Amino acid sequence: MAGRRADLLLRLAPPLGRAYLRLAVGTSRCAQEGREVAEAARVDGGPLLWCFWHNRLLGPAVAYRGRGAGVVISRSGDGELVNRLVEGLGYVGLRGSTSRGGASALRSVLRHLRAGRDVAFTPDGPKGPRYAVQPGVAYVAVRTGLPVIPVGVGMTRKAVFPSWDRFQVPLPFGRILIACGAPLVFASSDDVAEVAEVLRAALVEVTERADRLAGTTSP
């Protein structure tokens, strides 16, 4: 019975989640700041690395859908739900954790980038700590030298869940502001731990800016 319920959840939750997101975003006023600067950072039309906090991922998930970008997703049961949700929005799930021995996930990320397609990271996911950058994205940034775009998301109407990251879900008829920070490029000689700290500071700054522009505050 438990297995049947889990199968039913996997079948029904992703399409229902996508329908809800389209409703919430479609009835909200959405704006983006700095997207042109981010896109201009592409080298010869190549890929970018996008970063945003785990609790804000639903905003970018809808705004950037349908482009074939890769998204790093854990191999957990919850990860399978997220994978089916985002693949239905036109993303490619890259399964595994880049911060917990996920060599296979790192290989998938590098393959996706070599194919010329973007990759998005939630660097404090899948389990936190909240607003702490795990080394996976920093390692990829150093290894590839590709521009990293820190992204902040502000929502005026949202449900905040009591999860480890205080996960945010946009509510209909609100305002969603997505702000892109200045592109960051790192050298192969840079220290991964120092890069992670630079990324953390940039994400904190751009998230606070998105909140200010949206006229809201977030936990």
N, C-alpha and C. Protein backbone atom coordinates (compact mmCIF):
# COMPACT_ATOMS: atom_id res chain seq x y z
N MET A 1 0.82 -1.21 0.00
CA MET A 1 0.00 0.00 0.00
C MET A 1 0.86 1.26 0.00
N ALA A 2 1.90 1.25 0.85
CA ALA A 2 2.78 2.43 0.91
C ALA A 2 3.45 2.66 -0.45
N GLY A 3 3.88 1.55 -1.08
CA GLY A 3 4.51 1.67 -2.39
C GLY A 3 3.55 2.23 -3.43
N ARG A 4 2.27 1.82 -3.33
CA ARG A 4 1.28 2.31 -4.27
C ARG A 4 1.03 3.81 -4.09
N ARG A 5 0.98 4.23 -2.82
CA ARG A 5 0.79 5.66 -2.55
C ARG A 5 1.96 6.47 -3.08
N ALA A 6 3.19 5.94 -2.90
CA ALA A 6 4.37 6.66 -3.40
C ALA A 6 4.34 6.77 -4.91
N ASP A 7 3.94 5.69 -5.59
CA ASP A 7 3.85 5.73 -7.05
C ASP A 7 2.80 6.74 -7.51
N LEU A 8 1.67 6.78 -6.78
CA LEU A 8 0.61 7.72 -7.13
C LEU A 8 1.09 9.17 -6.95
N LEU A 9 1.85 9.41 -5.86
CA LEU A 9 2.40 10.74 -5.61
C LEU A 9 3.35 11.15 -6.72
N LEU A 10 4.21 10.22 -7.15
CA LEU A 10 5.16 10.52 -8.21
C LEU A 10 4.46 10.82 -9.54
N ARG A 11 3.32 10.19 -9.76
CA ARG A 11 2.59 10.42 -11.02
C ARG A 11 1.81 11.73 -11.00
N LEU A 12 1.20 12.04 -9.86
CA LEU A 12 0.27 13.17 -9.81
C LEU A 12 0.91 14.48 -9.39
N ALA A 13 1.85 14.42 -8.43
CA ALA A 13 2.38 15.67 -7.87
C ALA A 13 3.10 16.54 -8.90
N PRO A 14 3.98 16.00 -9.74
CA PRO A 14 4.69 16.88 -10.69
C PRO A 14 3.77 17.65 -11.64
N PRO A 15 2.80 17.00 -12.33
CA PRO A 15 1.94 17.80 -13.22
C PRO A 15 1.06 18.80 -12.46
N LEU A 16 0.61 18.41 -11.26
CA LEU A 16 -0.17 19.36 -10.47
C LEU A 16 0.69 20.54 -10.03
N GLY A 17 1.95 20.24 -9.65
CA GLY A 17 2.87 21.31 -9.26
C GLY A 17 3.15 22.26 -10.40
N ARG A 18 3.36 21.73 -11.61
CA ARG A 18 3.60 22.59 -12.77
C ARG A 18 2.37 23.45 -13.08
N ALA A 19 1.17 22.85 -12.97
CA ALA A 19 -0.04 23.62 -13.23
C ALA A 19 -0.18 24.75 -12.22
N TYR A 20 0.12 24.45 -10.96
CA TYR A 20 0.02 25.50 -9.94
C TYR A 20 1.03 26.62 -10.21
N LEU A 21 2.28 26.27 -10.54
CA LEU A 21 3.30 27.28 -10.79
C LEU A 21 2.90 28.17 -11.96
N ARG A 22 2.36 27.58 -13.00
CA ARG A 22 1.93 28.40 -14.15
C ARG A 22 0.82 29.36 -13.73
N LEU A 23 -0.09 28.89 -12.85
CA LEU A 23 -1.14 29.77 -12.36
C LEU A 23 -0.57 30.89 -11.51
N ALA A 24 0.31 30.52 -10.55
CA ALA A 24 0.86 31.51 -9.63
C ALA A 24 1.67 32.56 -10.37
N VAL A 25 2.52 32.11 -11.28
CA VAL A 25 3.38 33.04 -12.02
C VAL A 25 2.56 33.81 -13.06
N GLY A 26 1.60 33.12 -13.69
CA GLY A 26 0.80 33.78 -14.72
C GLY A 26 -0.09 34.88 -14.18
N THR A 27 -0.46 34.81 -12.91
CA THR A 27 -1.30 35.85 -12.31
C THR A 27 -0.47 36.87 -11.52
N SER A 28 0.84 36.72 -11.54
CA SER A 28 1.71 37.64 -10.80
C SER A 28 2.39 38.61 -11.76
N ARG A 29 2.83 39.73 -11.23
CA ARG A 29 3.65 40.67 -12.00
C ARG A 29 5.10 40.25 -11.83
N CYS A 30 5.73 39.88 -12.93
CA CYS A 30 7.10 39.37 -12.88
C CYS A 30 8.04 40.36 -13.57
N ALA A 31 9.18 40.56 -12.97
CA ALA A 31 10.18 41.46 -13.56
C ALA A 31 11.56 40.86 -13.33
N GLN A 32 12.46 41.16 -14.26
CA GLN A 32 13.84 40.71 -14.13
C GLN A 32 14.78 41.91 -14.23
N GLU A 33 15.82 41.88 -13.45
CA GLU A 33 16.83 42.94 -13.49
C GLU A 33 18.20 42.31 -13.72
N GLY A 34 18.95 42.87 -14.65
CA GLY A 34 20.31 42.41 -14.89
C GLY A 34 20.44 41.22 -15.81
N ARG A 35 19.35 40.75 -16.40
CA ARG A 35 19.43 39.58 -17.26
C ARG A 35 20.28 39.85 -18.49
N GLU A 36 20.20 41.07 -19.04
CA GLU A 36 20.97 41.39 -20.25
C GLU A 36 22.47 41.32 -19.97
N VAL A 37 22.88 41.82 -18.80
CA VAL A 37 24.30 41.78 -18.44
C VAL A 37 24.76 40.33 -18.29
N ALA A 38 23.91 39.51 -17.69
CA ALA A 38 24.25 38.09 -17.52
C ALA A 38 24.43 37.41 -18.87
N GLU A 39 23.48 37.63 -19.78
CA GLU A 39 23.55 36.98 -21.10
C GLU A 39 24.76 37.47 -21.89
N ALA A 40 25.15 38.72 -21.68
CA ALA A 40 26.31 39.26 -22.39
C ALA A 40 27.62 38.64 -21.93
N ALA A 41 27.59 37.95 -20.78
CA ALA A 41 28.81 37.34 -20.25
C ALA A 41 29.16 36.03 -20.96
N ARG A 42 28.27 35.53 -21.80
CA ARG A 42 28.57 34.28 -22.51
C ARG A 42 29.79 34.47 -23.41
N VAL A 43 30.67 33.51 -23.40
CA VAL A 43 31.86 33.54 -24.25
C VAL A 43 31.56 32.77 -25.53
N ASP A 44 31.51 33.48 -26.65
CA ASP A 44 31.20 32.86 -27.94
C ASP A 44 29.89 32.07 -27.89
N GLY A 45 28.92 32.61 -27.16
CA GLY A 45 27.62 31.95 -27.08
C GLY A 45 27.60 30.71 -26.20
N GLY A 46 28.66 30.51 -25.42
CA GLY A 46 28.77 29.31 -24.59
C GLY A 46 27.87 29.35 -23.37
N PRO A 47 27.98 28.31 -22.54
CA PRO A 47 27.07 28.17 -21.40
C PRO A 47 27.44 29.05 -20.21
N LEU A 48 26.48 29.19 -19.29
CA LEU A 48 26.66 29.90 -18.04
C LEU A 48 26.33 28.98 -16.88
N LEU A 49 26.85 29.30 -15.70
CA LEU A 49 26.49 28.64 -14.45
C LEU A 49 25.59 29.58 -13.67
N TRP A 50 24.37 29.15 -13.38
CA TRP A 50 23.41 29.97 -12.64
C TRP A 50 23.32 29.46 -11.20
N CYS A 51 23.29 30.37 -10.23
CA CYS A 51 23.21 29.98 -8.82
C CYS A 51 22.11 30.76 -8.12
N PHE A 52 21.30 30.07 -7.33
CA PHE A 52 20.30 30.72 -6.48
C PHE A 52 20.06 29.81 -5.28
N TRP A 53 19.61 30.40 -4.19
CA TRP A 53 19.39 29.62 -2.98
C TRP A 53 18.25 28.61 -3.18
N HIS A 54 18.37 27.49 -2.47
CA HIS A 54 17.41 26.40 -2.60
C HIS A 54 15.99 26.86 -2.31
N ASN A 55 15.81 27.74 -1.34
CA ASN A 55 14.44 28.13 -0.97
C ASN A 55 13.80 29.09 -1.96
N ARG A 56 14.54 29.55 -2.96
CA ARG A 56 13.99 30.47 -3.97
C ARG A 56 13.87 29.83 -5.35
N LEU A 57 14.09 28.53 -5.46
CA LEU A 57 14.28 27.93 -6.78
C LEU A 57 13.04 27.98 -7.67
N LEU A 58 11.85 28.11 -7.09
CA LEU A 58 10.65 28.07 -7.94
C LEU A 58 10.53 29.29 -8.83
N GLY A 59 11.04 30.43 -8.41
CA GLY A 59 10.99 31.62 -9.28
C GLY A 59 11.79 31.43 -10.55
N PRO A 60 13.08 31.13 -10.47
CA PRO A 60 13.86 30.88 -11.68
C PRO A 60 13.37 29.66 -12.46
N ALA A 61 12.83 28.65 -11.77
CA ALA A 61 12.39 27.43 -12.46
C ALA A 61 11.35 27.75 -13.53
N VAL A 62 10.48 28.70 -13.25
CA VAL A 62 9.46 29.08 -14.23
C VAL A 62 10.01 30.10 -15.22
N ALA A 63 10.76 31.08 -14.73
CA ALA A 63 11.25 32.16 -15.60
C ALA A 63 12.19 31.65 -16.68
N TYR A 64 13.01 30.64 -16.39
CA TYR A 64 14.03 30.18 -17.33
C TYR A 64 13.68 28.83 -17.96
N ARG A 65 12.41 28.46 -17.94
CA ARG A 65 12.01 27.13 -18.39
C ARG A 65 12.15 26.99 -19.91
N GLY A 66 12.18 25.73 -20.36
CA GLY A 66 12.14 25.44 -21.78
C GLY A 66 13.42 25.67 -22.53
N ARG A 67 14.57 25.79 -21.83
CA ARG A 67 15.83 26.08 -22.50
C ARG A 67 16.82 24.92 -22.46
N GLY A 68 16.42 23.80 -21.87
CA GLY A 68 17.30 22.65 -21.80
C GLY A 68 18.43 22.77 -20.81
N ALA A 69 18.32 23.72 -19.87
CA ALA A 69 19.37 23.86 -18.86
C ALA A 69 19.39 22.65 -17.94
N GLY A 70 20.58 22.30 -17.48
CA GLY A 70 20.71 21.20 -16.53
C GLY A 70 20.51 21.71 -15.11
N VAL A 71 19.90 20.88 -14.27
CA VAL A 71 19.68 21.21 -12.87
C VAL A 71 20.19 20.06 -12.02
N VAL A 72 21.07 20.36 -11.07
CA VAL A 72 21.61 19.32 -10.20
C VAL A 72 20.56 18.97 -9.15
N ILE A 73 20.16 17.69 -9.10
CA ILE A 73 19.09 17.23 -8.22
C ILE A 73 19.56 15.98 -7.49
N SER A 74 19.27 15.91 -6.21
CA SER A 74 19.71 14.76 -5.40
C SER A 74 19.01 13.48 -5.85
N ARG A 75 19.58 12.34 -5.44
CA ARG A 75 19.01 11.04 -5.78
C ARG A 75 17.98 10.56 -4.75
N SER A 76 17.56 11.41 -3.85
CA SER A 76 16.59 11.04 -2.82
C SER A 76 15.20 10.91 -3.42
N GLY A 77 14.25 10.42 -2.59
CA GLY A 77 12.87 10.34 -3.03
C GLY A 77 12.30 11.70 -3.35
N ASP A 78 12.60 12.69 -2.51
CA ASP A 78 12.16 14.06 -2.79
C ASP A 78 12.79 14.56 -4.09
N GLY A 79 14.05 14.16 -4.31
CA GLY A 79 14.73 14.56 -5.54
C GLY A 79 14.03 14.04 -6.78
N GLU A 80 13.47 12.83 -6.69
CA GLU A 80 12.75 12.28 -7.83
C GLU A 80 11.52 13.11 -8.17
N LEU A 81 10.82 13.59 -7.14
CA LEU A 81 9.68 14.47 -7.36
C LEU A 81 10.12 15.76 -8.06
N VAL A 82 11.19 16.36 -7.54
CA VAL A 82 11.71 17.60 -8.14
C VAL A 82 12.15 17.34 -9.57
N ASN A 83 12.80 16.20 -9.80
CA ASN A 83 13.28 15.88 -11.14
C ASN A 83 12.13 15.83 -12.15
N ARG A 84 11.06 15.15 -11.76
CA ARG A 84 9.91 15.06 -12.67
C ARG A 84 9.24 16.41 -12.87
N LEU A 85 9.23 17.21 -11.82
CA LEU A 85 8.64 18.55 -11.92
C LEU A 85 9.41 19.41 -12.92
N VAL A 86 10.74 19.48 -12.76
CA VAL A 86 11.53 20.40 -13.60
C VAL A 86 11.69 19.86 -15.02
N GLU A 87 11.74 18.54 -15.20
CA GLU A 87 11.86 18.03 -16.56
C GLU A 87 10.61 18.36 -17.38
N GLY A 88 9.45 18.43 -16.69
CA GLY A 88 8.24 18.84 -17.38
C GLY A 88 8.22 20.31 -17.74
N LEU A 89 9.16 21.08 -17.17
CA LEU A 89 9.29 22.50 -17.51
C LEU A 89 10.41 22.74 -18.53
N GLY A 90 10.98 21.65 -19.04
CA GLY A 90 11.99 21.79 -20.08
C GLY A 90 13.43 21.80 -19.60
N TYR A 91 13.66 21.34 -18.36
CA TYR A 91 15.02 21.24 -17.84
C TYR A 91 15.52 19.80 -17.98
N VAL A 92 16.81 19.62 -17.74
CA VAL A 92 17.41 18.28 -17.74
C VAL A 92 17.92 18.02 -16.33
N GLY A 93 17.39 17.00 -15.69
CA GLY A 93 17.83 16.66 -14.34
C GLY A 93 19.19 15.97 -14.36
N LEU A 94 20.13 16.50 -13.59
CA LEU A 94 21.46 15.90 -13.44
C LEU A 94 21.50 15.34 -12.03
N ARG A 95 21.34 14.04 -11.90
CA ARG A 95 21.07 13.45 -10.60
C ARG A 95 22.33 13.22 -9.79
N GLY A 96 22.23 13.50 -8.48
CA GLY A 96 23.33 13.31 -7.55
C GLY A 96 23.72 14.62 -6.91
N SER A 97 24.52 14.54 -5.85
CA SER A 97 24.99 15.72 -5.14
C SER A 97 26.42 16.02 -5.53
N THR A 98 26.70 17.26 -5.89
CA THR A 98 28.08 17.63 -6.22
C THR A 98 28.89 17.93 -4.98
N SER A 99 28.28 17.84 -3.80
CA SER A 99 29.01 18.18 -2.58
C SER A 99 29.18 17.00 -1.64
N ARG A 100 28.60 15.86 -1.97
CA ARG A 100 28.68 14.72 -1.08
C ARG A 100 29.15 13.47 -1.83
N GLY A 101 30.35 13.58 -2.39
CA GLY A 101 30.92 12.44 -3.09
C GLY A 101 30.25 12.12 -4.40
N GLY A 102 29.56 13.09 -4.99
CA GLY A 102 28.80 12.82 -6.20
C GLY A 102 29.63 12.94 -7.45
N ALA A 103 30.59 12.04 -7.63
CA ALA A 103 31.44 12.10 -8.82
C ALA A 103 30.62 11.95 -10.09
N SER A 104 29.57 11.11 -10.06
CA SER A 104 28.75 10.92 -11.25
C SER A 104 27.99 12.19 -11.59
N ALA A 105 27.53 12.93 -10.57
CA ALA A 105 26.83 14.19 -10.83
C ALA A 105 27.78 15.20 -11.46
N LEU A 106 29.01 15.27 -10.96
CA LEU A 106 29.99 16.19 -11.54
C LEU A 106 30.28 15.85 -12.99
N ARG A 107 30.39 14.57 -13.30
CA ARG A 107 30.62 14.17 -14.69
C ARG A 107 29.45 14.59 -15.57
N SER A 108 28.22 14.42 -15.06
CA SER A 108 27.04 14.82 -15.82
C SER A 108 27.02 16.33 -16.06
N VAL A 109 27.39 17.09 -15.03
CA VAL A 109 27.44 18.55 -15.15
C VAL A 109 28.44 18.95 -16.23
N LEU A 110 29.63 18.40 -16.18
CA LEU A 110 30.67 18.77 -17.15
C LEU A 110 30.28 18.35 -18.56
N ARG A 111 29.63 17.19 -18.71
CA ARG A 111 29.16 16.76 -20.04
C ARG A 111 28.11 17.74 -20.58
N HIS A 112 27.20 18.15 -19.70
CA HIS A 112 26.14 19.07 -20.11
C HIS A 112 26.74 20.40 -20.56
N LEU A 113 27.72 20.88 -19.83
CA LEU A 113 28.38 22.14 -20.18
C LEU A 113 29.15 22.01 -21.50
N ARG A 114 29.82 20.88 -21.69
CA ARG A 114 30.57 20.68 -22.95
C ARG A 114 29.63 20.67 -24.15
N ALA A 115 28.37 20.27 -23.91
CA ALA A 115 27.38 20.29 -24.99
C ALA A 115 26.86 21.70 -25.25
N GLY A 116 27.36 22.68 -24.49
CA GLY A 116 26.99 24.07 -24.72
C GLY A 116 25.73 24.52 -24.01
N ARG A 117 25.28 23.76 -23.01
CA ARG A 117 24.04 24.10 -22.32
C ARG A 117 24.31 24.54 -20.89
N ASP A 118 23.50 25.48 -20.41
CA ASP A 118 23.66 26.03 -19.07
C ASP A 118 23.40 24.97 -18.01
N VAL A 119 23.93 25.25 -16.80
CA VAL A 119 23.64 24.42 -15.63
C VAL A 119 23.28 25.33 -14.46
N ALA A 120 22.24 24.96 -13.73
CA ALA A 120 21.79 25.73 -12.57
C ALA A 120 22.08 24.95 -11.29
N PHE A 121 22.53 25.67 -10.28
CA PHE A 121 22.85 25.07 -8.98
C PHE A 121 22.06 25.77 -7.88
N THR A 122 21.65 24.99 -6.88
CA THR A 122 21.20 25.54 -5.60
C THR A 122 22.29 25.15 -4.60
N PRO A 123 23.27 26.01 -4.38
CA PRO A 123 24.50 25.59 -3.70
C PRO A 123 24.36 25.26 -2.22
N ASP A 124 23.21 25.58 -1.61
CA ASP A 124 23.01 25.14 -0.23
C ASP A 124 22.14 23.89 -0.14
N GLY A 125 21.72 23.36 -1.27
CA GLY A 125 20.90 22.16 -1.28
C GLY A 125 21.74 20.90 -1.40
N PRO A 126 21.13 19.72 -1.17
CA PRO A 126 19.71 19.54 -0.92
C PRO A 126 19.32 19.60 0.57
N LYS A 127 20.28 19.65 1.47
CA LYS A 127 19.94 19.58 2.89
C LYS A 127 20.56 20.67 3.74
N GLY A 128 21.25 21.62 3.14
CA GLY A 128 21.78 22.73 3.91
C GLY A 128 23.20 22.53 4.37
N PRO A 129 23.65 23.42 5.27
CA PRO A 129 22.90 24.48 5.95
C PRO A 129 22.39 25.55 5.00
N ARG A 130 21.29 26.21 5.43
CA ARG A 130 20.71 27.26 4.62
C ARG A 130 21.70 28.39 4.40
N TYR A 131 21.76 28.87 3.16
CA TYR A 131 22.60 29.99 2.76
C TYR A 131 24.09 29.73 2.98
N ALA A 132 24.48 28.47 2.85
CA ALA A 132 25.90 28.10 2.87
C ALA A 132 26.23 27.47 1.52
N VAL A 133 27.31 27.89 0.89
CA VAL A 133 27.68 27.37 -0.43
C VAL A 133 28.53 26.11 -0.27
N GLN A 134 28.01 24.99 -0.76
CA GLN A 134 28.76 23.75 -0.77
C GLN A 134 29.80 23.80 -1.90
N PRO A 135 30.84 22.96 -1.82
CA PRO A 135 31.97 23.13 -2.75
C PRO A 135 31.71 22.73 -4.20
N GLY A 136 30.59 22.03 -4.48
CA GLY A 136 30.38 21.53 -5.84
C GLY A 136 30.40 22.60 -6.91
N VAL A 137 29.58 23.63 -6.73
CA VAL A 137 29.51 24.69 -7.75
C VAL A 137 30.83 25.45 -7.82
N ALA A 138 31.50 25.64 -6.68
CA ALA A 138 32.80 26.33 -6.69
C ALA A 138 33.82 25.52 -7.48
N TYR A 139 33.80 24.21 -7.31
CA TYR A 139 34.72 23.34 -8.04
C TYR A 139 34.46 23.44 -9.55
N VAL A 140 33.19 23.41 -9.95
CA VAL A 140 32.86 23.50 -11.38
C VAL A 140 33.28 24.85 -11.95
N ALA A 141 33.07 25.93 -11.17
CA ALA A 141 33.45 27.26 -11.63
C ALA A 141 34.95 27.37 -11.86
N VAL A 142 35.73 26.78 -10.95
CA VAL A 142 37.19 26.81 -11.08
C VAL A 142 37.65 25.90 -12.21
N ARG A 143 37.04 24.73 -12.29
CA ARG A 143 37.44 23.74 -13.30
C ARG A 143 37.16 24.24 -14.72
N THR A 144 36.03 24.91 -14.94
CA THR A 144 35.64 25.29 -16.29
C THR A 144 36.00 26.73 -16.65
N GLY A 145 36.12 27.61 -15.66
CA GLY A 145 36.34 29.03 -15.94
C GLY A 145 35.14 29.74 -16.52
N LEU A 146 33.96 29.09 -16.48
CA LEU A 146 32.76 29.69 -17.04
C LEU A 146 32.20 30.76 -16.10
N PRO A 147 31.52 31.77 -16.65
CA PRO A 147 30.91 32.79 -15.80
C PRO A 147 29.82 32.21 -14.90
N VAL A 148 29.81 32.65 -13.65
CA VAL A 148 28.79 32.26 -12.68
C VAL A 148 27.86 33.46 -12.48
N ILE A 149 26.56 33.22 -12.58
CA ILE A 149 25.57 34.28 -12.41
C ILE A 149 24.83 34.06 -11.10
N PRO A 150 25.08 34.88 -10.08
CA PRO A 150 24.28 34.78 -8.85
C PRO A 150 22.90 35.39 -9.08
N VAL A 151 21.87 34.69 -8.64
CA VAL A 151 20.49 35.13 -8.88
C VAL A 151 19.76 35.26 -7.56
N GLY A 152 19.09 36.39 -7.37
CA GLY A 152 18.24 36.60 -6.20
C GLY A 152 16.78 36.66 -6.61
N VAL A 153 15.91 36.18 -5.74
CA VAL A 153 14.48 36.14 -6.03
C VAL A 153 13.70 36.75 -4.87
N GLY A 154 12.87 37.73 -5.16
CA GLY A 154 11.99 38.33 -4.16
C GLY A 154 10.54 38.09 -4.53
N MET A 155 9.71 37.73 -3.56
CA MET A 155 8.28 37.48 -3.79
C MET A 155 7.47 38.25 -2.75
N THR A 156 6.46 38.97 -3.23
CA THR A 156 5.63 39.72 -2.28
C THR A 156 4.56 38.85 -1.63
N ARG A 157 4.09 37.84 -2.37
CA ARG A 157 3.10 36.91 -1.82
C ARG A 157 3.67 35.51 -1.91
N LYS A 158 3.84 34.87 -0.78
CA LYS A 158 4.47 33.56 -0.78
C LYS A 158 4.05 32.78 0.46
N ALA A 159 4.10 31.46 0.33
CA ALA A 159 3.97 30.58 1.48
C ALA A 159 5.37 30.15 1.87
N VAL A 160 5.69 30.22 3.16
CA VAL A 160 7.01 29.84 3.66
C VAL A 160 6.84 28.59 4.52
N PHE A 161 7.49 27.51 4.11
CA PHE A 161 7.33 26.23 4.80
C PHE A 161 8.36 26.08 5.92
N PRO A 162 8.04 25.31 6.97
CA PRO A 162 8.96 25.13 8.10
C PRO A 162 10.03 24.07 7.82
N SER A 163 10.63 24.11 6.64
CA SER A 163 11.69 23.17 6.28
C SER A 163 13.04 23.74 6.69
N TRP A 164 14.11 22.99 6.46
CA TRP A 164 15.45 23.45 6.86
C TRP A 164 15.82 24.78 6.21
N ASP A 165 15.28 25.03 5.00
CA ASP A 165 15.66 26.25 4.27
C ASP A 165 14.57 27.30 4.25
N ARG A 166 13.43 27.04 4.96
CA ARG A 166 12.27 27.95 4.90
C ARG A 166 11.84 28.14 3.44
N PHE A 167 11.50 27.01 2.81
CA PHE A 167 11.22 26.98 1.37
C PHE A 167 10.04 27.89 1.03
N GLN A 168 10.19 28.65 -0.08
CA GLN A 168 9.19 29.65 -0.46
C GLN A 168 8.45 29.22 -1.73
N VAL A 169 7.12 29.31 -1.67
CA VAL A 169 6.28 29.01 -2.82
C VAL A 169 5.49 30.27 -3.17
N PRO A 170 5.59 30.75 -4.41
CA PRO A 170 4.84 31.97 -4.77
C PRO A 170 3.35 31.72 -4.75
N LEU A 171 2.61 32.71 -4.27
CA LEU A 171 1.16 32.68 -4.29
C LEU A 171 0.65 33.53 -5.45
N PRO A 172 -0.55 33.25 -5.94
CA PRO A 172 -1.08 34.03 -7.07
C PRO A 172 -1.26 35.50 -6.71
N PHE A 173 -1.26 36.33 -7.74
CA PHE A 173 -1.58 37.76 -7.66
C PHE A 173 -0.56 38.53 -6.81
N GLY A 174 0.68 38.12 -6.88
CA GLY A 174 1.75 38.83 -6.19
C GLY A 174 2.71 39.47 -7.18
N ARG A 175 3.90 39.72 -6.70
CA ARG A 175 4.95 40.29 -7.53
C ARG A 175 6.21 39.46 -7.32
N ILE A 176 6.85 39.06 -8.41
CA ILE A 176 8.06 38.26 -8.36
C ILE A 176 9.17 39.04 -9.05
N LEU A 177 10.26 39.27 -8.34
CA LEU A 177 11.39 40.00 -8.89
C LEU A 177 12.61 39.09 -8.92
N ILE A 178 13.20 38.91 -10.08
CA ILE A 178 14.41 38.11 -10.24
C ILE A 178 15.55 39.05 -10.61
N ALA A 179 16.57 39.08 -9.77
CA ALA A 179 17.72 39.97 -9.99
C ALA A 179 18.97 39.14 -10.25
N CYS A 180 19.69 39.47 -11.32
CA CYS A 180 20.96 38.81 -11.64
C CYS A 180 22.11 39.68 -11.17
N GLY A 181 23.02 39.10 -10.41
CA GLY A 181 24.21 39.82 -9.99
C GLY A 181 25.25 39.87 -11.08
N ALA A 182 26.33 40.59 -10.82
CA ALA A 182 27.42 40.69 -11.78
C ALA A 182 28.03 39.32 -12.03
N PRO A 183 28.31 38.96 -13.28
CA PRO A 183 28.94 37.68 -13.58
C PRO A 183 30.29 37.55 -12.86
N LEU A 184 30.57 36.36 -12.36
CA LEU A 184 31.82 36.07 -11.65
C LEU A 184 32.60 35.03 -12.43
N VAL A 185 33.88 35.28 -12.65
CA VAL A 185 34.74 34.34 -13.37
C VAL A 185 35.95 34.04 -12.51
N PHE A 186 36.29 32.76 -12.38
CA PHE A 186 37.38 32.33 -11.53
C PHE A 186 38.44 31.61 -12.36
N ALA A 187 39.67 31.66 -11.86
CA ALA A 187 40.80 31.03 -12.55
C ALA A 187 41.01 29.62 -12.00
N SER A 188 41.67 28.80 -12.80
CA SER A 188 41.93 27.41 -12.39
C SER A 188 42.81 27.33 -11.16
N SER A 189 43.56 28.39 -10.87
CA SER A 189 44.45 28.39 -9.70
C SER A 189 43.75 28.85 -8.43
N ASP A 190 42.49 29.30 -8.52
CA ASP A 190 41.78 29.81 -7.35
C ASP A 190 41.44 28.68 -6.38
N ASP A 191 41.45 29.02 -5.09
CA ASP A 191 41.12 28.05 -4.05
C ASP A 191 39.60 27.85 -4.00
N VAL A 192 39.16 26.59 -4.00
CA VAL A 192 37.72 26.29 -4.05
C VAL A 192 36.99 26.85 -2.84
N ALA A 193 37.59 26.74 -1.65
CA ALA A 193 36.94 27.25 -0.44
C ALA A 193 36.76 28.76 -0.51
N GLU A 194 37.76 29.46 -1.03
CA GLU A 194 37.65 30.92 -1.16
C GLU A 194 36.62 31.30 -2.21
N VAL A 195 36.57 30.54 -3.29
CA VAL A 195 35.56 30.78 -4.32
C VAL A 195 34.16 30.60 -3.74
N ALA A 196 33.97 29.56 -2.94
CA ALA A 196 32.67 29.31 -2.31
C ALA A 196 32.24 30.50 -1.45
N GLU A 197 33.18 31.10 -0.74
CA GLU A 197 32.85 32.24 0.10
C GLU A 197 32.50 33.47 -0.74
N VAL A 198 33.21 33.67 -1.86
CA VAL A 198 32.88 34.78 -2.76
C VAL A 198 31.46 34.58 -3.32
N LEU A 199 31.14 33.36 -3.71
CA LEU A 199 29.81 33.07 -4.23
C LEU A 199 28.74 33.31 -3.17
N ARG A 200 29.02 32.89 -1.93
CA ARG A 200 28.05 33.09 -0.86
C ARG A 200 27.75 34.58 -0.66
N ALA A 201 28.80 35.38 -0.61
CA ALA A 201 28.61 36.82 -0.42
C ALA A 201 27.81 37.43 -1.57
N ALA A 202 28.10 36.99 -2.80
CA ALA A 202 27.38 37.53 -3.96
C ALA A 202 25.91 37.13 -3.92
N LEU A 203 25.62 35.90 -3.51
CA LEU A 203 24.24 35.45 -3.43
C LEU A 203 23.48 36.16 -2.33
N VAL A 204 24.11 36.40 -1.20
CA VAL A 204 23.47 37.14 -0.12
C VAL A 204 23.11 38.54 -0.61
N GLU A 205 24.07 39.19 -1.29
CA GLU A 205 23.84 40.56 -1.75
C GLU A 205 22.72 40.64 -2.77
N VAL A 206 22.73 39.75 -3.76
CA VAL A 206 21.72 39.84 -4.82
C VAL A 206 20.35 39.41 -4.31
N THR A 207 20.29 38.51 -3.34
CA THR A 207 19.02 38.11 -2.76
C THR A 207 18.42 39.27 -1.95
N GLU A 208 19.25 39.96 -1.18
CA GLU A 208 18.77 41.13 -0.44
C GLU A 208 18.30 42.22 -1.40
N ARG A 209 19.01 42.37 -2.54
CA ARG A 209 18.60 43.37 -3.53
C ARG A 209 17.26 43.00 -4.14
N ALA A 210 17.05 41.72 -4.45
CA ALA A 210 15.77 41.29 -5.01
C ALA A 210 14.63 41.54 -4.02
N ASP A 211 14.88 41.27 -2.76
CA ASP A 211 13.86 41.53 -1.74
C ASP A 211 13.53 43.01 -1.66
N ARG A 212 14.56 43.86 -1.70
CA ARG A 212 14.33 45.31 -1.63
C ARG A 212 13.52 45.78 -2.85
N LEU A 213 13.89 45.31 -4.04
CA LEU A 213 13.20 45.72 -5.25
C LEU A 213 11.75 45.24 -5.26
N ALA A 214 11.52 44.08 -4.66
CA ALA A 214 10.15 43.56 -4.58
C ALA A 214 9.37 44.20 -3.44
N GLY A 215 10.07 44.95 -2.59
CA GLY A 215 9.41 45.59 -1.46
C GLY A 215 9.01 44.62 -0.38
N THR A 216 9.84 43.60 -0.15
CA THR A 216 9.51 42.58 0.84
C THR A 216 10.76 42.20 1.60
N THR A 217 10.60 41.41 2.63
CA THR A 217 11.71 40.82 3.36
C THR A 217 11.47 39.33 3.44
N SER A 218 12.53 38.59 3.67
CA SER A 218 12.41 37.13 3.71
C SER A 218 13.21 36.59 4.88
N PRO A 219 12.79 35.45 5.40
CA PRO A 219 13.53 34.82 6.49
C PRO A 219 14.90 34.34 6.05
